[in-house]
Protein backbone atom coordinates (compact mmCIF):
# COMPACT_ATOMS: atom_id res chain seq x y z
CA MET A 1 112.89 163.65 107.33
CA SER A 2 113.77 163.02 110.95
CA LEU A 3 113.28 159.70 112.58
CA SER A 4 112.01 161.52 115.62
CA ASN A 5 109.13 162.65 113.83
CA GLN A 6 107.75 159.67 111.82
CA THR A 7 107.12 156.72 113.91
CA SER A 8 103.73 155.32 113.37
CA TYR A 9 102.86 154.49 116.81
CA PRO A 10 103.35 157.50 119.58
CA LYS A 11 106.69 157.45 121.22
CA ASP A 12 104.91 158.00 124.79
CA LYS A 13 103.04 154.65 124.19
CA ILE A 14 106.04 152.69 123.22
CA LYS A 15 106.95 150.79 126.68
CA ILE A 16 110.57 149.97 127.42
CA VAL A 17 111.59 148.06 130.46
CA PHE A 18 115.30 147.60 131.70
CA PHE A 19 116.28 144.88 134.54
CA GLU A 20 119.68 144.35 136.37
CA ASN A 21 120.53 147.75 136.90
CA ILE A 22 121.60 148.42 133.06
CA SER A 23 123.45 151.57 132.72
CA ASP A 24 122.05 155.20 132.51
CA ALA A 25 123.75 155.19 128.89
CA ALA A 26 121.05 152.94 127.81
CA ILE A 27 118.28 155.13 129.11
CA LYS A 28 119.57 158.43 128.00
CA ILE A 29 120.02 156.96 124.19
CA PHE A 30 115.91 156.34 124.47
CA LYS A 31 115.04 159.77 126.25
CA ASP A 32 117.16 161.79 123.92
CA ALA A 33 115.06 160.20 121.33
CA GLY A 34 111.67 161.03 122.75
CA TYR A 35 110.65 157.97 124.67
CA THR A 36 109.30 158.54 127.98
CA ASP A 37 107.58 155.22 129.41
CA ILE A 38 111.11 153.55 130.30
CA LYS A 39 110.87 151.35 133.70
CA LYS A 40 114.19 150.17 135.29
CA PHE A 41 114.69 147.40 137.95
CA SER A 42 117.78 147.18 139.98
CA GLY A 43 118.16 143.29 139.67
CA ALA A 44 116.58 139.91 138.07
CA LEU A 45 112.88 139.06 138.86
CA PRO A 46 111.36 135.76 139.15
CA GLU A 47 109.58 134.23 136.10
CA ASP A 48 106.18 135.16 137.44
CA GLN A 49 106.72 138.71 138.33
CA LEU A 50 108.95 138.95 135.17
CA ILE A 51 106.05 138.00 133.15
CA GLN A 52 103.98 140.70 134.86
CA GLU A 53 106.55 143.44 133.73
CA VAL A 54 107.02 142.66 130.12
CA LYS A 55 103.45 141.59 129.01
CA GLU A 56 103.06 145.24 127.93
CA ALA A 57 106.47 145.82 126.98
CA HIS A 58 107.73 146.68 123.60
CA MET A 59 111.38 146.87 124.22
CA ILE A 60 113.45 144.92 127.22
CA GLY A 61 116.92 145.27 128.34
CA ILE A 62 118.59 142.50 130.47
CA ARG A 63 121.84 141.21 131.35
CA SER A 64 123.10 137.68 132.40
CA LYS A 65 120.62 136.54 135.10
CA THR A 66 117.29 137.63 133.60
CA LEU A 67 115.91 134.39 131.88
CA ILE A 68 113.91 134.89 128.99
CA THR A 69 112.07 131.49 128.63
CA GLU A 70 109.38 130.30 126.36
CA LYS A 71 106.95 130.86 128.84
CA VAL A 72 107.84 134.44 129.15
CA LEU A 73 107.53 135.41 125.35
CA GLN A 74 104.26 133.93 125.32
CA HIS A 75 103.04 136.36 127.63
CA ALA A 76 105.01 139.07 126.06
CA LYS A 77 102.41 139.78 123.01
CA LYS A 78 103.98 143.15 122.24
CA LEU A 79 107.62 142.39 122.44
CA GLN A 80 109.66 143.65 119.48
CA ALA A 81 113.25 143.37 120.95
CA ILE A 82 115.39 142.15 123.48
CA GLY A 83 118.61 143.70 124.37
CA CYS A 84 121.16 141.75 125.98
CA PHE A 85 123.56 144.13 127.75
CA CYS A 86 126.33 141.57 128.27
CA ILE A 87 128.43 139.30 125.65
CA GLY A 88 125.93 136.24 125.63
CA THR A 89 122.41 135.45 124.88
CA ASN A 90 122.25 132.20 126.56
CA GLN A 91 119.96 133.50 128.81
CA VAL A 92 117.34 134.26 126.02
CA ASN A 93 115.45 131.24 124.57
CA LEU A 94 116.34 132.17 121.12
CA SER A 95 114.62 129.72 119.22
CA ALA A 96 111.36 130.58 120.68
CA ALA A 97 112.12 134.46 120.16
CA ARG A 98 112.90 133.66 116.66
CA LYS A 99 109.59 131.92 115.99
CA LYS A 100 108.01 135.21 117.47
CA GLY A 101 109.83 137.39 115.34
CA VAL A 102 111.51 138.77 118.45
CA VAL A 103 114.92 140.64 117.60
CA VAL A 104 117.86 139.78 120.13
CA PHE A 105 120.89 141.78 120.03
CA ASN A 106 123.63 142.01 122.50
CA ALA A 107 127.42 143.77 122.98
CA PRO A 108 129.94 141.18 121.80
CA TYR A 109 132.79 143.77 121.86
CA SER A 110 132.25 146.24 124.47
CA ASN A 111 133.60 144.81 127.62
CA THR A 112 136.54 143.15 125.85
CA ARG A 113 139.00 145.32 127.15
CA SER A 114 137.90 145.05 130.96
CA VAL A 115 137.98 141.32 130.98
CA ALA A 116 141.52 141.19 129.15
CA GLU A 117 142.72 143.68 131.43
CA LEU A 118 141.47 141.43 134.34
CA ILE A 119 143.04 138.26 132.85
CA ILE A 120 146.45 140.00 132.78
CA GLY A 121 146.21 141.58 136.57
CA ALA A 122 145.20 137.91 137.70
CA SER A 123 148.27 136.35 135.87
CA VAL A 124 150.40 138.85 138.03
CA ILE A 125 148.68 138.23 141.36
CA LEU A 126 148.82 134.47 140.97
CA ILE A 127 152.37 134.10 139.48
CA ARG A 128 153.52 136.31 142.22
CA ARG A 129 151.45 134.56 144.96
CA ILE A 130 150.37 137.82 146.17
CA LEU A 131 147.32 136.15 147.84
CA ASP A 132 149.35 134.39 150.41
CA LYS A 133 151.31 137.57 151.00
CA ASN A 134 148.20 139.58 151.63
CA LYS A 135 146.54 137.26 153.80
CA ALA A 136 149.73 137.29 155.84
CA ALA A 137 150.15 140.85 156.03
CA HIS A 138 146.54 141.20 156.96
CA GLU A 139 147.15 138.75 159.78
CA GLY A 140 150.09 140.79 160.90
CA ILE A 141 152.46 138.76 159.47
CA TRP A 142 155.61 139.70 157.44
CA ASN A 143 156.40 137.47 154.70
CA LYS A 144 158.73 138.86 152.46
CA GLU A 145 160.46 136.36 150.11
CA ALA A 146 160.71 135.48 146.56
CA LYS A 147 160.56 131.92 146.49
CA GLY A 148 157.64 130.47 144.21
CA SER A 149 157.29 133.99 142.84
CA PHE A 150 157.95 135.05 139.08
CA GLU A 151 157.78 137.45 136.65
CA LEU A 152 155.35 137.21 133.88
CA ARG A 153 157.96 138.15 130.89
CA GLY A 154 159.04 135.08 128.97
CA LYS A 155 156.36 132.64 130.08
CA THR A 156 153.81 131.19 128.05
CA LEU A 157 150.14 132.02 127.78
CA GLY A 158 148.10 129.44 126.55
CA ILE A 159 144.48 130.91 125.17
CA ILE A 160 141.46 128.51 124.61
CA GLY A 161 139.09 130.27 122.27
CA TYR A 162 140.74 132.97 120.27
CA GLY A 163 137.62 135.31 119.63
CA ASN A 164 137.15 138.97 120.55
CA ILE A 165 138.25 138.82 124.08
CA GLY A 166 140.78 135.88 123.61
CA SER A 167 142.56 138.02 121.13
CA GLN A 168 142.64 141.02 122.99
CA VAL A 169 144.23 139.08 125.73
CA SER A 170 146.76 137.99 123.20
CA ILE A 171 147.59 141.71 122.16
CA LEU A 172 148.21 142.44 125.81
CA ALA A 173 149.91 139.43 126.92
CA GLU A 174 152.88 139.93 124.30
CA ALA A 175 152.97 143.66 125.65
CA MET A 176 153.97 142.37 128.68
CA GLY A 177 156.51 139.81 127.57
CA LEU A 178 154.58 136.80 127.38
CA LYS A 179 154.69 134.09 124.63
CA VAL A 180 151.30 133.23 123.21
CA LEU A 181 149.96 130.12 122.17
CA PHE A 182 146.24 129.51 121.40
CA TYR A 183 143.75 126.97 120.47
CA ASP A 184 140.23 127.48 118.80
CA VAL A 185 138.16 125.05 117.13
CA ASN A 186 137.93 127.67 113.84
CA THR A 187 140.98 128.93 112.14
CA LYS A 188 141.99 132.15 113.21
CA LEU A 189 144.45 134.62 112.09
CA PRO A 190 147.01 135.39 114.91
CA PHE A 191 147.63 138.76 116.56
CA GLY A 192 151.26 139.56 116.59
CA ASN A 193 153.47 136.33 117.27
CA ALA A 194 151.13 134.21 118.64
CA VAL A 195 151.05 130.70 117.52
CA SER A 196 147.92 128.37 117.00
CA LYS A 197 147.96 124.76 118.29
CA LYS A 198 146.17 121.91 116.90
CA SER A 199 144.90 120.34 120.30
CA LEU A 200 143.86 121.22 123.85
CA LYS A 201 146.35 118.69 124.87
CA GLU A 202 149.29 120.19 123.08
CA LEU A 203 148.31 123.82 124.20
CA VAL A 204 147.99 123.07 128.10
CA SER A 205 151.20 121.32 128.31
CA LYS A 206 153.22 123.89 127.10
CA SER A 207 151.65 126.82 128.87
CA ASP A 208 152.35 128.20 132.06
CA ILE A 209 149.06 129.96 132.31
CA VAL A 210 145.83 128.81 130.76
CA THR A 211 143.08 131.09 130.06
CA ILE A 212 139.75 130.24 128.73
CA HIS A 213 137.45 132.32 126.49
CA VAL A 214 134.92 130.23 124.90
CA PRO A 215 130.96 130.47 124.94
CA GLU A 216 128.90 127.98 127.19
CA THR A 217 127.55 124.97 124.72
CA SER A 218 127.33 121.43 124.97
CA GLN A 219 130.47 120.73 123.50
CA THR A 220 132.18 123.21 125.93
CA LYS A 221 130.76 121.69 129.17
CA ASN A 222 133.41 120.47 131.64
CA LEU A 223 135.97 121.19 128.57
CA ILE A 224 138.48 121.36 131.42
CA ASN A 225 138.07 117.99 133.22
CA LYS A 226 140.12 115.54 135.40
CA THR A 227 141.59 113.76 132.32
CA LEU A 228 142.62 117.20 130.33
CA LEU A 229 144.14 118.64 133.93
CA LYS A 230 146.50 115.67 134.07
CA ASN A 231 147.91 117.15 130.77
CA PHE A 232 148.48 120.41 132.11
CA LYS A 233 152.18 121.69 132.80
CA LYS A 234 152.82 120.87 136.67
CA GLY A 235 152.57 123.99 138.54
CA SER A 236 150.53 126.22 135.80
CA ILE A 237 147.83 128.36 136.48
CA LEU A 238 144.23 128.19 135.19
CA LEU A 239 141.94 131.14 134.82
CA ASN A 240 138.21 130.92 133.81
CA TYR A 241 136.51 134.20 133.19
CA ALA A 242 134.39 132.67 130.21
CA ARG A 243 131.63 130.60 131.53
CA GLY A 244 130.77 128.41 134.40
CA GLU A 245 129.98 125.08 133.06
CA VAL A 246 133.15 124.86 131.25
CA VAL A 247 135.19 123.98 134.09
CA ASP A 248 134.92 120.76 136.05
CA LEU A 249 135.30 122.70 139.75
CA ASN A 250 135.87 119.36 141.57
CA ALA A 251 138.41 117.99 139.15
CA LEU A 252 140.07 121.55 139.35
CA LYS A 253 140.29 121.42 143.27
CA THR A 254 142.06 118.01 143.05
CA ALA A 255 144.61 119.54 140.64
CA LEU A 256 145.09 122.42 142.99
CA VAL A 257 145.50 120.45 146.14
CA SER A 258 147.84 117.95 144.66
CA GLY A 259 150.30 120.52 143.18
CA GLN A 260 149.38 119.76 139.59
CA LEU A 261 148.29 123.28 139.27
CA SER A 262 149.98 126.21 141.41
CA GLY A 263 146.78 128.48 141.24
CA ALA A 264 143.59 129.32 139.84
CA GLY A 265 141.56 132.34 138.83
CA VAL A 266 137.94 131.72 138.74
CA ASP A 267 135.22 134.63 138.06
CA VAL A 268 132.22 132.36 136.74
CA PHE A 269 130.39 129.58 138.19
CA PRO A 270 127.89 126.94 137.30
CA VAL A 271 125.61 128.10 139.75
CA GLU A 272 125.74 131.87 140.82
CA PRO A 273 123.57 133.88 143.29
CA GLU A 274 120.56 135.91 142.08
CA LYS A 275 121.60 138.86 143.72
CA ASN A 276 124.50 140.78 145.91
CA GLY A 277 124.35 139.26 149.50
CA ASP A 278 122.82 136.23 148.85
CA LEU A 279 124.77 132.89 149.74
CA PHE A 280 127.41 131.66 147.40
CA GLU A 281 129.34 128.34 147.70
CA THR A 282 132.04 126.74 145.64
CA PRO A 283 134.26 123.89 145.92
CA LEU A 284 137.15 126.02 145.44
CA GLN A 285 136.50 128.26 148.34
CA GLY A 286 139.19 128.11 151.05
CA LEU A 287 142.20 127.21 148.69
CA SER A 288 144.73 129.73 149.48
CA ASN A 289 145.96 129.92 145.94
CA VAL A 290 142.48 130.68 144.37
CA LEU A 291 141.54 133.82 143.15
CA LEU A 292 137.53 134.12 143.31
CA THR A 293 135.67 137.05 141.86
CA PRO A 294 131.86 137.19 141.74
CA HIS A 295 131.39 137.47 137.86
CA ILE A 296 132.95 140.91 137.35
CA GLY A 297 135.11 140.18 134.10
CA GLY A 298 133.15 142.97 132.66
CA SER A 299 132.08 144.97 135.26
CA THR A 300 133.93 148.43 135.10
CA GLU A 301 132.39 151.66 134.73
CA GLU A 302 133.60 152.05 131.05
CA ALA A 303 132.29 148.63 129.89
CA GLN A 304 128.99 148.95 131.46
CA TYR A 305 128.62 152.43 129.76
CA ASN A 306 129.78 151.20 126.40
CA ILE A 307 127.40 148.19 126.59
CA GLY A 308 124.54 150.36 127.40
CA GLU A 309 125.22 152.68 124.44
CA ASP A 310 126.14 149.99 121.89
CA VAL A 311 122.86 147.77 122.55
CA SER A 312 120.25 150.51 122.97
CA ALA A 313 121.63 152.20 119.86
CA LYS A 314 120.79 148.88 117.91
CA MET A 315 117.44 148.46 119.77
CA LEU A 316 116.67 151.98 118.82
CA ASN A 317 117.92 151.43 115.13
CA TYR A 318 115.44 148.84 114.75
CA LEU A 319 112.60 150.59 116.43
CA GLU A 320 112.97 153.38 114.14
CA THR A 321 114.44 152.23 110.91
CA GLY A 322 113.75 148.15 110.91
CA ALA A 323 117.58 147.76 110.78
CA THR A 324 118.43 144.45 112.47
CA THR A 325 122.54 144.50 112.37
CA GLY A 326 123.72 142.39 115.11
CA SER A 327 120.46 140.26 115.40
CA HIS A 328 120.62 136.82 116.59
CA THR A 329 116.85 135.88 115.43
CA VAL A 330 115.55 138.02 112.90
CA PRO A 331 117.86 137.87 109.73
CA GLU A 332 120.40 140.79 109.71
CA LEU A 333 119.57 143.76 107.36
CA SER A 334 121.28 147.30 107.27
CA LEU A 335 118.81 149.90 106.11
CA SER A 336 118.71 153.49 105.17
CA GLN A 337 115.89 155.68 105.11
CA GLN A 338 113.94 156.38 102.16
CA GLU A 339 112.23 159.75 102.03
CA LYS A 340 108.33 160.24 100.83
CA THR A 341 107.72 156.88 101.53
CA HIS A 342 106.01 154.46 104.48
CA ARG A 343 107.77 151.49 105.73
CA ILE A 344 106.60 148.18 106.61
CA LEU A 345 108.34 145.42 108.29
CA HIS A 346 107.16 141.68 107.68
CA ILE A 347 108.84 138.98 109.67
CA HIS A 348 107.47 135.46 108.26
CA ASN A 349 108.36 131.53 108.40
CA ASN A 350 110.89 130.86 105.44
CA ILE A 351 108.34 128.41 103.51
CA PRO A 352 108.19 128.73 99.56
CA GLY A 353 106.13 131.23 97.90
CA VAL A 354 105.74 133.96 100.73
CA LEU A 355 107.96 136.80 98.94
CA SER A 356 105.73 135.97 95.70
CA GLU A 357 102.34 136.17 97.57
CA ILE A 358 103.48 139.38 99.03
CA ASN A 359 104.26 141.06 95.60
CA SER A 360 101.22 140.00 93.85
CA THR A 361 98.98 140.71 96.93
CA LEU A 362 100.29 144.27 96.81
CA SER A 363 100.23 144.47 93.01
CA ASP A 364 96.68 143.18 92.84
CA HIS A 365 95.67 145.86 95.25
CA LYS A 366 97.81 148.69 93.27
CA VAL A 367 99.99 149.12 96.16
CA ASN A 368 103.16 150.85 94.78
CA VAL A 369 106.24 149.20 96.04
CA LEU A 370 109.30 151.82 96.12
CA GLY A 371 111.69 149.84 97.81
CA GLN A 372 112.01 146.07 99.21
CA TYR A 373 114.64 144.46 101.12
CA LEU A 374 114.95 140.62 102.10
CA LYS A 375 116.87 138.46 104.28
CA THR A 376 116.51 134.77 105.24
CA ASN A 377 117.75 132.40 107.78
CA ASP A 378 116.74 128.72 108.03
CA GLU A 379 113.73 129.59 109.95
CA ILE A 380 112.31 132.62 109.28
CA GLY A 381 112.51 135.63 106.55
CA TYR A 382 112.60 139.29 107.01
CA VAL A 383 111.19 141.47 104.17
CA VAL A 384 111.23 145.31 104.61
CA LEU A 385 108.96 147.42 102.03
CA ASP A 386 108.78 151.10 101.23
CA VAL A 387 105.55 151.48 99.82
CA ASP A 388 103.44 154.83 98.25
CA THR A 389 102.27 156.69 101.62
CA LYS A 390 98.81 156.82 100.21
CA LEU A 391 97.73 152.92 100.62
CA SER A 392 100.45 151.96 103.42
CA LYS A 393 97.81 151.12 106.05
CA SER A 394 95.86 148.95 103.70
CA ALA A 395 99.08 147.27 102.40
CA ALA A 396 99.92 146.35 106.19
CA GLU A 397 96.38 144.61 106.83
CA LEU A 398 97.09 142.83 103.50
CA LEU A 399 100.33 141.56 104.57
CA ARG A 400 98.99 140.55 107.78
CA LYS A 401 97.01 137.84 105.72
CA VAL A 402 99.97 136.28 103.91
CA LYS A 403 100.57 132.78 104.67
CA GLY A 404 103.56 132.12 107.10
CA THR A 405 103.29 135.58 108.50
CA ILE A 406 104.63 135.74 112.10
CA LYS A 407 104.79 139.89 112.67
CA VAL A 408 103.84 142.90 110.87
CA ARG A 409 104.79 146.52 111.81
CA LEU A 410 104.08 149.83 110.00
CA LEU A 411 107.10 151.69 111.00
CA TYR A 412 106.53 155.13 109.76
């Protein structure tokens, strides 16, 4: 039984909208599966325009600039899934999406290599003082000297956040001859000879280069602040290719001007322009020992292609099988096909008695259940039912009346 022949809703009626110039690899996956109503925007849209574009959409794909607020979700009546074609999901109101039974996927691994390579590259540029020499050469000044220029080999790299990217940086750094220290709020198994430190203060005081790889949360806001910067090793380098709110930029500027730090590389900022060409301002502008880049950590052809394939595959799998592997909202279920059945998806509030009512309702109406899968989180439950083909439409209607129901879909 082929998936391409079994969706209950006509494929040419399923509307898919991509924003922010998502890779054509994403579009190809849907087109190859038979979906034709696909629209692509080159950038993010203001909320009022965004609402107009998503109100009839079944699937949408975004990157980091498109904000999916509760208001947007209220207007997206047909929305089944959101694909975040990036690492984070903080641009989506996950609580509101969860309450509406909208599945949210992302790509937590696909651009790790691109970011990790840039960290190593930025480390070389800053520790060799390439910025000053590059500027002088462009101005016609020959400035060949070794003073203040160092090798990476033998230096110590401190990694704050030892997750997907941090651990990848760890591996590359050791290959370059760096000693690696790391700090994470959770216990992590080190790669190679990396050594875990118990506090941020200890980590930064022993590191020649500090790189940050943490999410943006209330706990990480201004994690690198005036107080912590005083504990950095004199003349060390700070790299932030994680999230803009993690570093107090005014405090960082003071540390750079005073010489407490010898350099910094910053790719993310608390406030970033909406699109290319817009005015960009930061307190770090004009400092010769600072490498500024416009949020390009994962912006490589390879990363965007991999992200496009990864997130689209998850969205397509949910659309055609009901599988929610990698979801941040609806509980995760990995599902296989069941031949000679019809599949119904039931998303509901996680309250007592729902599953019992589902089963008793179907039993009372002589609907034969051939397979049943259930997963819950604190807020909602997700039940997938494979039922006898003769009564599947009746079964779907019955399930819509079950208490606590959020969304029901007859998949095939």
